[in-house]
Structures are given as C-alpha cells and as structure tokens.
Amino acid sequence: MSSWETVLAILGMGLITLLTRAFFLIPQQELPLPDWLKDGLRYAPLAALAAVIVPEIVMSNGQLISTWKDARLYATAVGTAYFFWRGGILGTIISGTAVMLALRIGLGW
C-alpha cells in the first residue's frame, strides 16, 4: 500500500467514525423510534456486558472449562446469590472476590 492510500484510508476511517458517532447529534429534532426498538435498546448495555463477562467465566484458553474445580464458577454463584439477597453492588464484588481468592490461594485452584 502506498503512502497516499494509507492517508486516504485513515481519513476515510476517521470520517466514518465521526459520522457514526455523531449520527444522533446531527438532526435538529429527536429521531422518532418505534416502541419495540426503544424497549430493545433498554437491554443493550446488559447484553453487551453479558457478552463480555460470560466467556470469561465459562472458558479458559479458548475452550469451555471441563471441570467444576474452577474458582470463577463458585465466585460467580456467591456474587449472584449475594446480589439477589442484599442487592448491593459493593457487597457483590467483595463476596465474589473473597470466594475467588479463598479458592485460588487457599486451595490452589
């Protein structure tokens, strides 16, 4: 690729990025969205978070874990149970981390 093609590619990608990020800021009035789309967009952050976190819990080195002897499973279960019991984020993080550390350091998992 020559230097002018590289510069053109960078400028093109910058323009596309600018347009896609500013898409909702360009119009003078609010864009009408159907109710089904508004309802679906409410769950987008949760779905994105699950798509990032779940593979970290159930996979190791690109493969599904094959044993129950994995501290991440128990830490997730304890953190989830704490959240449904008390509803606090800080307690959820502390309880999950405590179980994870106890199993990793204490039992060597």
PDB file of N, CA and C in Angstrom:
ATOM      1  N   MET A   1       0.847  -1.168   0.000  1.00  0.00           N
ATOM      2  CA  MET A   1       0.000   0.000   0.000  1.00  0.00           C
ATOM      3  C   MET A   1       0.896   1.235   0.000  1.00  0.00           C
ATOM      4  N   SER A   2       0.636   2.159  -0.876  1.00  0.00           N
ATOM      5  CA  SER A   2       1.460   3.365  -0.930  1.00  0.00           C
ATOM      6  C   SER A   2       1.021   4.345   0.153  1.00  0.00           C
ATOM      7  N   SER A   3       1.826   5.386   0.322  1.00  0.00           N
ATOM      8  CA  SER A   3       1.564   6.339   1.410  1.00  0.00           C
ATOM      9  C   SER A   3       0.261   7.108   1.193  1.00  0.00           C
ATOM     10  N   TRP A   4      -0.074   7.452  -0.079  1.00  0.00           N
ATOM     11  CA  TRP A   4      -1.311   8.201  -0.297  1.00  0.00           C
ATOM     12  C   TRP A   4      -2.524   7.311  -0.044  1.00  0.00           C
ATOM     13  N   GLU A   5      -2.407   6.003  -0.288  1.00  0.00           N
ATOM     14  CA  GLU A   5      -3.511   5.088   0.014  1.00  0.00           C
ATOM     15  C   GLU A   5      -3.696   4.952   1.525  1.00  0.00           C
ATOM     16  N   THR A   6      -2.582   4.950   2.243  1.00  0.00           N
ATOM     17  CA  THR A   6      -2.647   4.871   3.697  1.00  0.00           C
ATOM     18  C   THR A   6      -3.321   6.109   4.276  1.00  0.00           C
ATOM     19  N   VAL A   7      -2.928   7.279   3.785  1.00  0.00           N
ATOM     20  CA  VAL A   7      -3.531   8.535   4.244  1.00  0.00           C
ATOM     21  C   VAL A   7      -5.012   8.561   3.897  1.00  0.00           C
ATOM     22  N   LEU A   8      -5.368   8.139   2.703  1.00  0.00           N
ATOM     23  CA  LEU A   8      -6.776   8.097   2.292  1.00  0.00           C
ATOM     24  C   LEU A   8      -7.573   7.135   3.171  1.00  0.00           C
ATOM     25  N   ALA A   9      -7.000   5.988   3.490  1.00  0.00           N
ATOM     26  CA  ALA A   9      -7.687   5.018   4.350  1.00  0.00           C
ATOM     27  C   ALA A   9      -7.896   5.589   5.747  1.00  0.00           C
ATOM     28  N   ILE A  10      -6.888   6.254   6.304  1.00  0.00           N
ATOM     29  CA  ILE A  10      -7.015   6.848   7.637  1.00  0.00           C
ATOM     30  C   ILE A  10      -8.073   7.934   7.643  1.00  0.00           C
ATOM     31  N   LEU A  11      -8.064   8.799   6.639  1.00  0.00           N
ATOM     32  CA  LEU A  11      -9.077   9.862   6.560  1.00  0.00           C
ATOM     33  C   LEU A  11     -10.480   9.277   6.386  1.00  0.00           C
ATOM     34  N   GLY A  12     -10.601   8.255   5.558  1.00  0.00           N
ATOM     35  CA  GLY A  12     -11.904   7.614   5.362  1.00  0.00           C
ATOM     36  C   GLY A  12     -12.426   6.976   6.638  1.00  0.00           C
ATOM     37  N   MET A  13     -11.555   6.285   7.354  1.00  0.00           N
ATOM     38  CA  MET A  13     -11.982   5.666   8.614  1.00  0.00           C
ATOM     39  C   MET A  13     -12.336   6.721   9.656  1.00  0.00           C
ATOM     40  N   GLY A  14     -11.594   7.826   9.653  1.00  0.00           N
ATOM     41  CA  GLY A  14     -11.908   8.914  10.574  1.00  0.00           C
ATOM     42  C   GLY A  14     -13.255   9.534  10.265  1.00  0.00           C
ATOM     43  N   LEU A  15     -13.553   9.721   8.991  1.00  0.00           N
ATOM     44  CA  LEU A  15     -14.839  10.289   8.583  1.00  0.00           C
ATOM     45  C   LEU A  15     -15.997   9.357   8.938  1.00  0.00           C
ATOM     46  N   ILE A  16     -15.822   8.085   8.687  1.00  0.00           N
ATOM     47  CA  ILE A  16     -16.864   7.112   9.025  1.00  0.00           C
ATOM     48  C   ILE A  16     -17.093   7.082  10.532  1.00  0.00           C
ATOM     49  N   THR A  17     -16.009   7.114  11.303  1.00  0.00           N
ATOM     50  CA  THR A  17     -16.133   7.123  12.758  1.00  0.00           C
ATOM     51  C   THR A  17     -16.853   8.370  13.234  1.00  0.00           C
ATOM     52  N   LEU A  18     -16.498   9.519  12.691  1.00  0.00           N
ATOM     53  CA  LEU A  18     -17.141  10.771  13.059  1.00  0.00           C
ATOM     54  C   LEU A  18     -18.630  10.737  12.744  1.00  0.00           C
ATOM     55  N   LEU A  19     -18.994  10.272  11.567  1.00  0.00           N
ATOM     56  CA  LEU A  19     -20.406  10.230  11.181  1.00  0.00           C
ATOM     57  C   LEU A  19     -21.217   9.260  12.031  1.00  0.00           C
ATOM     58  N   THR A  20     -20.669   8.085  12.305  1.00  0.00           N
ATOM     59  CA  THR A  20     -21.435   7.115  13.084  1.00  0.00           C
ATOM     60  C   THR A  20     -21.580   7.545  14.542  1.00  0.00           C
ATOM     61  N   ARG A  21     -20.587   8.198  15.093  1.00  0.00           N
ATOM     62  CA  ARG A  21     -20.693   8.641  16.487  1.00  0.00           C
ATOM     63  C   ARG A  21     -21.547   9.896  16.627  1.00  0.00           C
ATOM     64  N   ALA A  22     -21.576  10.744  15.602  1.00  0.00           N
ATOM     65  CA  ALA A  22     -22.346  11.984  15.661  1.00  0.00           C
ATOM     66  C   ALA A  22     -23.725  11.840  15.028  1.00  0.00           C
ATOM     67  N   PHE A  23     -24.086  10.633  14.626  1.00  0.00           N
ATOM     68  CA  PHE A  23     -25.348  10.419  13.904  1.00  0.00           C
ATOM     69  C   PHE A  23     -26.548  10.967  14.664  1.00  0.00           C
ATOM     70  N   PHE A  24     -26.573  10.777  15.979  1.00  0.00           N
ATOM     71  CA  PHE A  24     -27.731  11.223  16.754  1.00  0.00           C
ATOM     72  C   PHE A  24     -27.623  12.690  17.166  1.00  0.00           C
ATOM     73  N   LEU A  25     -26.482  13.320  16.938  1.00  0.00           N
ATOM     74  CA  LEU A  25     -26.312  14.727  17.287  1.00  0.00           C
ATOM     75  C   LEU A  25     -26.574  15.655  16.108  1.00  0.00           C
ATOM     76  N   ILE A  26     -26.535  15.129  14.891  1.00  0.00           N
ATOM     77  CA  ILE A  26     -26.684  15.954  13.693  1.00  0.00           C
ATOM     78  C   ILE A  26     -28.106  16.495  13.516  1.00  0.00           C
ATOM     79  N   PRO A  27     -29.160  15.676  13.666  1.00  0.00           N
ATOM     80  CA  PRO A  27     -30.512  16.189  13.436  1.00  0.00           C
ATOM     81  C   PRO A  27     -30.899  17.274  14.449  1.00  0.00           C
ATOM     82  N   GLN A  28     -31.715  18.216  14.006  1.00  0.00           N
ATOM     83  CA  GLN A  28     -32.178  19.300  14.868  1.00  0.00           C
ATOM     84  C   GLN A  28     -33.290  18.846  15.814  1.00  0.00           C
ATOM     85  N   GLN A  29     -34.022  17.830  15.412  1.00  0.00           N
ATOM     86  CA  GLN A  29     -35.106  17.326  16.256  1.00  0.00           C
ATOM     87  C   GLN A  29     -34.857  15.852  16.579  1.00  0.00           C
ATOM     88  N   GLU A  30     -35.546  15.376  17.593  1.00  0.00           N
ATOM     89  CA  GLU A  30     -35.359  13.992  18.021  1.00  0.00           C
ATOM     90  C   GLU A  30     -35.843  13.025  16.944  1.00  0.00           C
ATOM     91  N   LEU A  31     -35.070  11.983  16.730  1.00  0.00           N
ATOM     92  CA  LEU A  31     -35.454  10.973  15.754  1.00  0.00           C
ATOM     93  C   LEU A  31     -36.546  10.076  16.335  1.00  0.00           C
ATOM     94  N   PRO A  32     -37.629   9.879  15.604  1.00  0.00           N
ATOM     95  CA  PRO A  32     -38.676   9.000  16.128  1.00  0.00           C
ATOM     96  C   PRO A  32     -38.235   7.535  16.035  1.00  0.00           C
ATOM     97  N   LEU A  33     -38.378   6.834  17.134  1.00  0.00           N
ATOM     98  CA  LEU A  33     -38.055   5.419  17.180  1.00  0.00           C
ATOM     99  C   LEU A  33     -39.307   4.642  17.557  1.00  0.00           C
ATOM    100  N   PRO A  34     -39.524   3.501  16.930  1.00  0.00           N
ATOM    101  CA  PRO A  34     -40.675   2.687  17.324  1.00  0.00           C
ATOM    102  C   PRO A  34     -40.520   2.189  18.766  1.00  0.00           C
ATOM    103  N   ASP A  35     -41.648   1.929  19.406  1.00  0.00           N
ATOM    104  CA  ASP A  35     -41.615   1.488  20.805  1.00  0.00           C
ATOM    105  C   ASP A  35     -40.854   0.188  20.981  1.00  0.00           C
ATOM    106  N   TRP A  36     -40.966  -0.742  20.022  1.00  0.00           N
ATOM    107  CA  TRP A  36     -40.273  -2.019  20.154  1.00  0.00           C
ATOM    108  C   TRP A  36     -38.763  -1.818  20.140  1.00  0.00           C
ATOM    109  N   LEU A  37     -38.290  -0.825  19.378  1.00  0.00           N
ATOM    110  CA  LEU A  37     -36.856  -0.545  19.337  1.00  0.00           C
ATOM    111  C   LEU A  37     -36.385   0.108  20.635  1.00  0.00           C
ATOM    112  N   LYS A  38     -37.198   1.021  21.172  1.00  0.00           N
ATOM    113  CA  LYS A  38     -36.859   1.640  22.454  1.00  0.00           C
ATOM    114  C   LYS A  38     -36.784   0.591  23.558  1.00  0.00           C
ATOM    115  N   ASP A  39     -37.737  -0.344  23.562  1.00  0.00           N
ATOM    116  CA  ASP A  39     -37.716  -1.415  24.561  1.00  0.00           C
ATOM    117  C   ASP A  39     -36.479  -2.289  24.392  1.00  0.00           C
ATOM    118  N   GLY A  40     -36.127  -2.600  23.169  1.00  0.00           N
ATOM    119  CA  GLY A  40     -34.952  -3.425  22.911  1.00  0.00           C
ATOM    120  C   GLY A  40     -33.656  -2.737  23.296  1.00  0.00           C
ATOM    121  N   LEU A  41     -33.569  -1.432  23.064  1.00  0.00           N
ATOM    122  CA  LEU A  41     -32.356  -0.687  23.390  1.00  0.00           C
ATOM    123  C   LEU A  41     -32.130  -0.565  24.893  1.00  0.00           C
ATOM    124  N   ARG A  42     -33.182  -0.740  25.686  1.00  0.00           N
ATOM    125  CA  ARG A  42     -33.015  -0.722  27.146  1.00  0.00           C
ATOM    126  C   ARG A  42     -32.121  -1.858  27.608  1.00  0.00           C
ATOM    127  N   TYR A  43     -32.138  -2.985  26.880  1.00  0.00           N
ATOM    128  CA  TYR A  43     -31.378  -4.162  27.284  1.00  0.00           C
ATOM    129  C   TYR A  43     -30.011  -4.261  26.612  1.00  0.00           C
ATOM    130  N   ALA A  44     -29.666  -3.320  25.770  1.00  0.00           N
ATOM    131  CA  ALA A  44     -28.394  -3.368  25.047  1.00  0.00           C
ATOM    132  C   ALA A  44     -27.175  -3.336  25.978  1.00  0.00           C
ATOM    133  N   PRO A  45     -27.128  -2.465  26.991  1.00  0.00           N
ATOM    134  CA  PRO A  45     -25.951  -2.486  27.873  1.00  0.00           C
ATOM    135  C   PRO A  45     -25.805  -3.807  28.631  1.00  0.00           C
ATOM    136  N   LEU A  46     -26.899  -4.368  29.089  1.00  0.00           N
ATOM    137  CA  LEU A  46     -26.849  -5.641  29.792  1.00  0.00           C
ATOM    138  C   LEU A  46     -26.381  -6.756  28.865  1.00  0.00           C
ATOM    139  N   ALA A  47     -26.876  -6.754  27.644  1.00  0.00           N
ATOM    140  CA  ALA A  47     -26.466  -7.776  26.678  1.00  0.00           C
ATOM    141  C   ALA A  47     -24.980  -7.646  26.336  1.00  0.00           C
ATOM    142  N   ALA A  48     -24.497  -6.427  26.190  1.00  0.00           N
ATOM    143  CA  ALA A  48     -23.074  -6.223  25.897  1.00  0.00           C
ATOM    144  C   ALA A  48     -22.208  -6.674  27.071  1.00  0.00           C
ATOM    145  N   LEU A  49     -22.636  -6.366  28.285  1.00  0.00           N
ATOM    146  CA  LEU A  49     -21.888  -6.796  29.461  1.00  0.00           C
ATOM    147  C   LEU A  49     -21.861  -8.314  29.569  1.00  0.00           C
ATOM    148  N   ALA A  50     -22.991  -8.955  29.329  1.00  0.00           N
ATOM    149  CA  ALA A  50     -23.043 -10.420  29.377  1.00  0.00           C
ATOM    150  C   ALA A  50     -22.158 -11.032  28.298  1.00  0.00           C
ATOM    151  N   ALA A  51     -22.125 -10.419  27.131  1.00  0.00           N
ATOM    152  CA  ALA A  51     -21.298 -10.949  26.040  1.00  0.00           C
ATOM    153  C   ALA A  51     -19.812 -10.874  26.365  1.00  0.00           C
ATOM    154  N   VAL A  52     -19.429  -9.955  27.217  1.00  0.00           N
ATOM    155  CA  VAL A  52     -18.024  -9.832  27.604  1.00  0.00           C
ATOM    156  C   VAL A  52     -17.703 -10.719  28.805  1.00  0.00           C
ATOM    157  N   ILE A  53     -18.596 -10.765  29.785  1.00  0.00           N
ATOM    158  CA  ILE A  53     -18.313 -11.442  31.053  1.00  0.00           C
ATOM    159  C   ILE A  53     -18.497 -12.952  30.974  1.00  0.00           C
ATOM    160  N   VAL A  54     -19.557 -13.433  30.355  1.00  0.00           N
ATOM    161  CA  VAL A  54     -19.850 -14.873  30.354  1.00  0.00           C
ATOM    162  C   VAL A  54     -18.713 -15.714  29.768  1.00  0.00           C
ATOM    163  N   PRO A  55     -18.121 -15.353  28.638  1.00  0.00           N
ATOM    164  CA  PRO A  55     -16.988 -16.156  28.157  1.00  0.00           C
ATOM    165  C   PRO A  55     -15.816 -16.202  29.138  1.00  0.00           C
ATOM    166  N   GLU A  56     -15.606 -15.131  29.904  1.00  0.00           N
ATOM    167  CA  GLU A  56     -14.527 -15.121  30.889  1.00  0.00           C
ATOM    168  C   GLU A  56     -14.807 -16.086  32.031  1.00  0.00           C
ATOM    169  N   ILE A  57     -16.079 -16.365  32.288  1.00  0.00           N
ATOM    170  CA  ILE A  57     -16.439 -17.256  33.385  1.00  0.00           C
ATOM    171  C   ILE A  57     -16.398 -18.713  32.944  1.00  0.00           C
ATOM    172  N   VAL A  58     -16.896 -19.013  31.766  1.00  0.00           N
ATOM    173  CA  VAL A  58     -17.068 -20.419  31.360  1.00  0.00           C
ATOM    174  C   VAL A  58     -15.990 -20.932  30.407  1.00  0.00           C
ATOM    175  N   MET A  59     -15.021 -20.092  30.034  1.00  0.00           N
ATOM    176  CA  MET A  59     -13.981 -20.532  29.110  1.00  0.00           C
ATOM    177  C   MET A  59     -12.591 -20.282  29.692  1.00  0.00           C
ATOM    178  N   SER A  60     -11.663 -21.142  29.291  1.00  0.00           N
ATOM    179  CA  SER A  60     -10.271 -20.978  29.668  1.00  0.00           C
ATOM    180  C   SER A  60      -9.411 -21.370  28.467  1.00  0.00           C
ATOM    181  N   ASN A  61      -8.540 -20.477  28.044  1.00  0.00           N
ATOM    182  CA  ASN A  61      -7.687 -20.696  26.867  1.00  0.00           C
ATOM    183  C   ASN A  61      -8.491 -21.024  25.614  1.00  0.00           C
ATOM    184  N   GLY A  62      -9.636 -20.384  25.451  1.00  0.00           N
ATOM    185  CA  GLY A  62     -10.454 -20.582  24.262  1.00  0.00           C
ATOM    186  C   GLY A  62     -11.292 -21.839  24.255  1.00  0.00           C
ATOM    187  N   GLN A  63     -11.294 -22.593  25.331  1.00  0.00           N
ATOM    188  CA  GLN A  63     -12.070 -23.831  25.425  1.00  0.00           C
ATOM    189  C   GLN A  63     -13.013 -23.734  26.624  1.00  0.00           C
ATOM    190  N   LEU A  64     -14.177 -24.378  26.505  1.00  0.00           N
ATOM    191  CA  LEU A  64     -15.071 -24.446  27.650  1.00  0.00           C
ATOM    192  C   LEU A  64     -14.386 -25.207  28.779  1.00  0.00           C
ATOM    193  N   ILE A  65     -14.607 -24.728  29.996  1.00  0.00           N
ATOM    194  CA  ILE A  65     -13.984 -25.433  31.119  1.00  0.00           C
ATOM    195  C   ILE A  65     -14.623 -26.806  31.257  1.00  0.00           C
ATOM    196  N   SER A  66     -13.827 -27.776  31.651  1.00  0.00           N
ATOM    197  CA  SER A  66     -14.314 -29.150  31.679  1.00  0.00           C
ATOM    198  C   SER A  66     -14.406 -29.705  33.089  1.00  0.00           C
ATOM    199  N   THR A  67     -14.204 -28.863  34.091  1.00  0.00           N
ATOM    200  CA  THR A  67     -14.236 -29.329  35.465  1.00  0.00           C
ATOM    201  C   THR A  67     -14.987 -28.339  36.342  1.00  0.00           C
ATOM    202  N   TRP A  68     -15.519 -28.838  37.425  1.00  0.00           N
ATOM    203  CA  TRP A  68     -16.182 -27.968  38.396  1.00  0.00           C
ATOM    204  C   TRP A  68     -15.165 -27.344  39.337  1.00  0.00           C
ATOM    205  N   LYS A  69     -13.915 -27.730  39.202  1.00  0.00           N
ATOM    206  CA  LYS A  69     -12.854 -27.234  40.077  1.00  0.00           C
ATOM    207  C   LYS A  69     -12.286 -25.927  39.502  1.00  0.00           C
ATOM    208  N   ASP A  70     -13.156 -24.957  39.378  1.00  0.00           N
ATOM    209  CA  ASP A  70     -12.779 -23.654  38.855  1.00  0.00           C
ATOM    210  C   ASP A  70     -13.362 -22.582  39.764  1.00  0.00           C
ATOM    211  N   ALA A  71     -12.506 -21.771  40.330  1.00  0.00           N
ATOM    212  CA  ALA A  71     -12.924 -20.771  41.312  1.00  0.00           C
ATOM    213  C   ALA A  71     -13.896 -19.755  40.733  1.00  0.00           C
ATOM    214  N   ARG A  72     -13.811 -19.495  39.435  1.00  0.00           N
ATOM    215  CA  ARG A  72     -14.685 -18.494  38.822  1.00  0.00           C
ATOM    216  C   ARG A  72     -16.152 -18.883  38.927  1.00  0.00           C
ATOM    217  N   LEU A  73     -16.455 -20.166  38.791  1.00  0.00           N
ATOM    218  CA  LEU A  73     -17.847 -20.629  38.876  1.00  0.00           C
ATOM    219  C   LEU A  73     -18.427 -20.362  40.256  1.00  0.00           C
ATOM    220  N   TYR A  74     -17.682 -20.709  41.298  1.00  0.00           N
ATOM    221  CA  TYR A  74     -18.164 -20.531  42.656  1.00  0.00           C
ATOM    222  C   TYR A  74     -18.225 -19.055  43.047  1.00  0.00           C
ATOM    223  N   ALA A  75     -17.255 -18.271  42.605  1.00  0.00           N
ATOM    224  CA  ALA A  75     -17.270 -16.835  42.883  1.00  0.00           C
ATOM    225  C   ALA A  75     -18.467 -16.174  42.209  1.00  0.00           C
ATOM    226  N   THR A  76     -18.780 -16.602  41.001  1.00  0.00           N
ATOM    227  CA  THR A  76     -19.943 -16.063  40.298  1.00  0.00           C
ATOM    228  C   THR A  76     -21.230 -16.438  41.018  1.00  0.00           C
ATOM    229  N   ALA A  77     -21.323 -17.688  41.455  1.00  0.00           N
ATOM    230  CA  ALA A  77     -22.523 -18.143  42.154  1.00  0.00           C
ATOM    231  C   ALA A  77     -22.718 -17.382  43.459  1.00  0.00           C
ATOM    232  N   VAL A  78     -21.645 -17.205  44.230  1.00  0.00           N
ATOM    233  CA  VAL A  78     -21.742 -16.481  45.502  1.00  0.00           C
ATOM    234  C   VAL A  78     -22.072 -15.011  45.258  1.00  0.00           C
ATOM    235  N   GLY A  79     -21.424 -14.384  44.289  1.00  0.00           N
ATOM    236  CA  GLY A  79     -21.721 -12.986  43.974  1.00  0.00           C
ATOM    237  C   GLY A  79     -23.156 -12.791  43.526  1.00  0.00           C
ATOM    238  N   THR A  80     -23.652 -13.696  42.703  1.00  0.00           N
ATOM    239  CA  THR A  80     -25.040 -13.614  42.238  1.00  0.00           C
ATOM    240  C   THR A  80     -26.008 -13.804  43.397  1.00  0.00           C
ATOM    241  N   ALA A  81     -25.732 -14.785  44.252  1.00  0.00           N
ATOM    242  CA  ALA A  81     -26.593 -15.031  45.414  1.00  0.00           C
ATOM    243  C   ALA A  81     -26.618 -13.814  46.339  1.00  0.00           C
ATOM    244  N   TYR A  82     -25.451 -13.218  46.567  1.00  0.00           N
ATOM    245  CA  TYR A  82     -25.405 -12.032  47.424  1.00  0.00           C
ATOM    246  C   TYR A  82     -26.213 -10.891  46.817  1.00  0.00           C
ATOM    247  N   PHE A  83     -26.076 -10.706  45.499  1.00  0.00           N
ATOM    248  CA  PHE A  83     -26.811  -9.613  44.862  1.00  0.00           C
ATOM    249  C   PHE A  83     -28.316  -9.800  45.004  1.00  0.00           C
ATOM    250  N   PHE A  84     -28.804 -11.023  44.813  1.00  0.00           N
ATOM    251  CA  PHE A  84     -30.243 -11.246  44.942  1.00  0.00           C
ATOM    252  C   PHE A  84     -30.698 -11.208  46.393  1.00  0.00           C
ATOM    253  N   TRP A  85     -29.787 -11.494  47.331  1.00  0.00           N
ATOM    254  CA  TRP A  85     -30.134 -11.454  48.740  1.00  0.00           C
ATOM    255  C   TRP A  85     -30.178 -10.023  49.262  1.00  0.00           C
ATOM    256  N   ARG A  86     -29.108  -9.244  48.980  1.00  0.00           N
ATOM    257  CA  ARG A  86     -28.998  -7.897  49.534  1.00  0.00           C
ATOM    258  C   ARG A  86     -29.156  -6.780  48.499  1.00  0.00           C
ATOM    259  N   GLY A  87     -28.794  -7.029  47.264  1.00  0.00           N
ATOM    260  CA  GLY A  87     -28.964  -6.030  46.215  1.00  0.00           C
ATOM    261  C   GLY A  87     -27.859  -4.994  46.108  1.00  0.00           C
ATOM    262  N   GLY A  88     -26.788  -5.132  46.860  1.00  0.00           N
ATOM    263  CA  GLY A  88     -25.721  -4.139  46.820  1.00  0.00           C
ATOM    264  C   GLY A  88     -24.579  -4.557  45.900  1.00  0.00           C
ATOM    265  N   ILE A  89     -24.101  -3.626  45.112  1.00  0.00           N
ATOM    266  CA  ILE A  89     -23.019  -3.908  44.174  1.00  0.00           C
ATOM    267  C   ILE A  89     -21.699  -4.132  44.905  1.00  0.00           C
ATOM    268  N   LEU A  90     -21.397  -3.297  45.886  1.00  0.00           N
ATOM    269  CA  LEU A  90     -20.132  -3.431  46.607  1.00  0.00           C
ATOM    270  C   LEU A  90     -20.044  -4.782  47.312  1.00  0.00           C
ATOM    271  N   GLY A  91     -21.105  -5.190  47.977  1.00  0.00           N
ATOM    272  CA  GLY A  91     -21.121  -6.489  48.642  1.00  0.00           C
ATOM    273  C   GLY A  91     -20.995  -7.639  47.659  1.00  0.00           C
ATOM    274  N   THR A  92     -21.593  -7.469  46.485  1.00  0.00           N
ATOM    275  CA  THR A  92     -21.491  -8.485  45.441  1.00  0.00           C
ATOM    276  C   THR A  92     -20.035  -8.657  45.013  1.00  0.00           C
ATOM    277  N   ILE A  93     -19.366  -7.548  44.780  1.00  0.00           N
ATOM    278  CA  ILE A  93     -17.960  -7.593  44.362  1.00  0.00           C
ATOM    279  C   ILE A  93     -17.093  -8.184  45.466  1.00  0.00           C
ATOM    280  N   ILE A  94     -17.308  -7.764  46.706  1.00  0.00           N
ATOM    281  CA  ILE A  94     -16.490  -8.248  47.810  1.00  0.00           C
ATOM    282  C   ILE A  94     -16.716  -9.738  48.053  1.00  0.00           C
ATOM    283  N   SER A  95     -17.969 -10.183  48.038  1.00  0.00           N
ATOM    284  CA  SER A  95     -18.237 -11.598  48.299  1.00  0.00           C
ATOM    285  C   SER A  95     -17.672 -12.485  47.184  1.00  0.00           C
ATOM    286  N   GLY A  96     -17.857 -12.092  45.939  1.00  0.00           N
ATOM    287  CA  GLY A  96     -17.306 -12.865  44.827  1.00  0.00           C
ATOM    288  C   GLY A  96     -15.791 -12.901  44.851  1.00  0.00           C
ATOM    289  N   THR A  97     -15.182 -11.766  45.147  1.00  0.00           N
ATOM    290  CA  THR A  97     -13.723 -11.700  45.210  1.00  0.00           C
ATOM    291  C   THR A  97     -13.182 -12.520  46.381  1.00  0.00           C
ATOM    292  N   ALA A  98     -13.872 -12.490  47.512  1.00  0.00           N
ATOM    293  CA  ALA A  98     -13.433 -13.269  48.672  1.00  0.00           C
ATOM    294  C   ALA A  98     -13.441 -14.761  48.366  1.00  0.00           C
ATOM    295  N   VAL A  99     -14.493 -15.233  47.715  1.00  0.00           N
ATOM    296  CA  VAL A  99     -14.564 -16.654  47.359  1.00  0.00           C
ATOM    297  C   VAL A  99     -13.487 -16.994  46.334  1.00  0.00           C
ATOM    298  N   MET A 100     -13.312 -16.137  45.367  1.00  0.00           N
ATOM    299  CA  MET A 100     -12.292 -16.371  44.342  1.00  0.00           C
ATOM    300  C   MET A 100     -10.898 -16.462  44.969  1.00  0.00           C
ATOM    301  N   LEU A 101     -10.571 -15.526  45.850  1.00  0.00           N
ATOM    302  CA  LEU A 101      -9.261 -15.550  46.493  1.00  0.00           C
ATOM    303  C   LEU A 101      -9.102 -16.759  47.413  1.00  0.00           C
ATOM    304  N   ALA A 102     -10.149 -17.080  48.145  1.00  0.00           N
ATOM    305  CA  ALA A 102     -10.064 -18.232  49.051  1.00  0.00           C
ATOM    306  C   ALA A 102      -9.814 -19.518  48.274  1.00  0.00           C
ATOM    307  N   LEU A 103     -10.492 -19.707  47.165  1.00  0.00           N
ATOM    308  CA  LEU A 103     -10.311 -20.918  46.384  1.00  0.00           C
ATOM    309  C   LEU A 103      -8.982 -20.929  45.625  1.00  0.00           C
ATOM    310  N   ARG A 104      -8.574 -19.780  45.108  1.00  0.00           N
ATOM    311  CA  ARG A 104      -7.317 -19.721  44.350  1.00  0.00           C
ATOM    312  C   ARG A 104      -6.100 -19.821  45.256  1.00  0.00           C
ATOM    313  N   ILE A 105      -6.097 -19.030  46.331  1.00  0.00           N
ATOM    314  CA  ILE A 105      -4.947 -19.014  47.223  1.00  0.00           C
ATOM    315  C   ILE A 105      -5.002 -20.187  48.203  1.00  0.00           C
ATOM    316  N   GLY A 106      -6.182 -20.383  48.800  1.00  0.00           N
ATOM    317  CA  GLY A 106      -6.322 -21.411  49.815  1.00  0.00           C
ATOM    318  C   GLY A 106      -6.236 -22.827  49.281  1.00  0.00           C
ATOM    319  N   LEU A 107      -6.935 -23.112  48.176  1.00  0.00           N
ATOM    320  CA  LEU A 107      -6.965 -24.465  47.623  1.00  0.00           C
ATOM    321  C   LEU A 107      -6.096 -24.634  46.378  1.00  0.00           C
ATOM    322  N   GLY A 108      -5.591 -23.533  45.867  1.00  0.00           N
ATOM    323  CA  GLY A 108      -4.714 -23.604  44.701  1.00  0.00           C
ATOM    324  C   GLY A 108      -5.438 -23.877  43.386  1.00  0.00           C
ATOM    325  N   TRP A 109      -6.713 -23.512  43.324  1.00  0.00           N
ATOM    326  CA  TRP A 109      -7.467 -23.716  42.076  1.00  0.00           C
ATOM    327  C   TRP A 109      -7.000 -22.697  41.104  1.00  0.00           C
TER     328      TRP A 109
END
